[in-house]
């Protein structure tokens, strides 16, 4: 049994063969540009930016935990 992606690839290959040379690439380029434009309208971030922000958040969380521990230590020293 063929995978759905294999069926799609077969259909796309038939379409490429039926088109004049270069038209398939033009359609692909235009489709990618359209999808990118629509994703930007949806305010979607790239995987790269998501990973960067995840790293920033992890560092910030670690600093916050250190500050919380330091604050608890200082508060404990004040009550002694």
Protein backbone atom coordinates (compact mmCIF):
# COMPACT_ATOMS: atom_id res chain seq x y z
CA UNK A 1 0.00 0.00 0.00
CA UNK A 2 1.35 3.39 -0.97
CA UNK A 3 1.85 6.11 1.58
CA UNK A 4 -0.23 9.28 1.10
CA UNK A 5 2.95 11.27 0.43
CA UNK A 6 3.92 8.82 -2.35
CA UNK A 7 0.54 9.33 -4.01
CA UNK A 8 0.90 13.11 -3.77
CA UNK A 9 4.43 12.93 -5.18
CA UNK A 10 3.18 10.82 -8.10
CA UNK A 11 0.43 13.32 -8.88
CA UNK A 12 2.89 16.20 -8.68
CA UNK A 13 5.31 14.41 -11.00
CA UNK A 14 2.56 13.89 -13.58
CA UNK A 15 1.72 17.58 -13.33
CA UNK A 16 5.37 18.59 -13.75
CA UNK A 17 5.72 16.48 -16.89
CA UNK A 18 2.58 18.05 -18.39
CA UNK A 19 3.81 21.63 -17.84
CA UNK A 20 6.17 23.60 -20.02
CA UNK A 21 9.78 23.71 -18.80
CA UNK A 22 10.24 26.13 -15.90
CA UNK A 23 6.54 26.52 -15.16
CA UNK A 24 6.65 23.99 -12.30
CA UNK A 25 9.47 25.94 -10.66
CA UNK A 26 7.57 29.22 -11.09
CA UNK A 27 4.45 27.71 -9.53
CA UNK A 28 6.52 26.30 -6.65
CA UNK A 29 8.24 29.65 -6.04
CA UNK A 30 4.95 31.56 -6.17
CA UNK A 31 3.26 29.04 -3.87
CA UNK A 32 6.06 29.27 -1.33
CA UNK A 33 5.95 33.08 -1.43
CA UNK A 34 2.17 33.04 -0.95
CA UNK A 35 2.39 30.61 1.99
CA UNK A 36 5.15 32.67 3.62
CA UNK A 37 3.09 35.84 3.20
CA UNK A 38 0.00 34.23 4.73
CA UNK A 39 1.99 32.80 7.65
CA UNK A 40 3.41 36.27 8.34
CA UNK A 41 -0.15 37.63 8.44
CA UNK A 42 -0.99 34.99 11.04
CA UNK A 43 1.93 36.21 13.15
CA UNK A 44 3.56 32.77 13.13
CA UNK A 45 7.23 32.55 14.13
CA UNK A 46 9.84 30.40 12.48
CA UNK A 47 11.18 27.30 14.21
CA UNK A 48 14.56 29.04 14.51
CA UNK A 49 13.05 32.02 16.32
CA UNK A 50 10.98 29.73 18.53
CA UNK A 51 14.12 27.81 19.53
CA UNK A 52 15.98 31.05 20.26
CA UNK A 53 13.17 32.34 22.45
CA UNK A 54 12.95 28.97 24.23
CA UNK A 55 16.65 29.32 25.09
CA UNK A 56 16.15 32.89 26.33
CA UNK A 57 13.25 31.73 28.48
CA UNK A 58 15.31 28.88 29.98
CA UNK A 59 18.12 31.30 30.89
CA UNK A 60 15.65 33.76 32.37
CA UNK A 61 13.98 31.01 34.39
CA UNK A 62 17.36 29.86 35.74
CA UNK A 63 18.25 33.43 36.78
CA UNK A 64 14.85 33.85 38.45
CA UNK A 65 15.34 30.65 40.44
CA UNK A 66 18.75 31.87 41.61
CA UNK A 67 17.29 35.23 42.62
CA UNK A 68 14.43 33.55 44.47
CA UNK A 69 16.88 31.35 46.36
CA UNK A 70 19.06 34.38 47.20
CA UNK A 71 16.01 36.37 48.36
CA UNK A 72 14.89 33.48 50.59
CA UNK A 73 18.40 33.33 52.05
CA UNK A 74 18.42 37.08 52.74
CA UNK A 75 14.96 36.96 54.32
CA UNK A 76 16.07 34.08 56.53
CA UNK A 77 19.13 36.04 57.67
CA UNK A 78 16.92 39.02 58.53
CA UNK A 79 14.74 36.96 60.85
CA UNK A 80 17.69 35.61 62.83
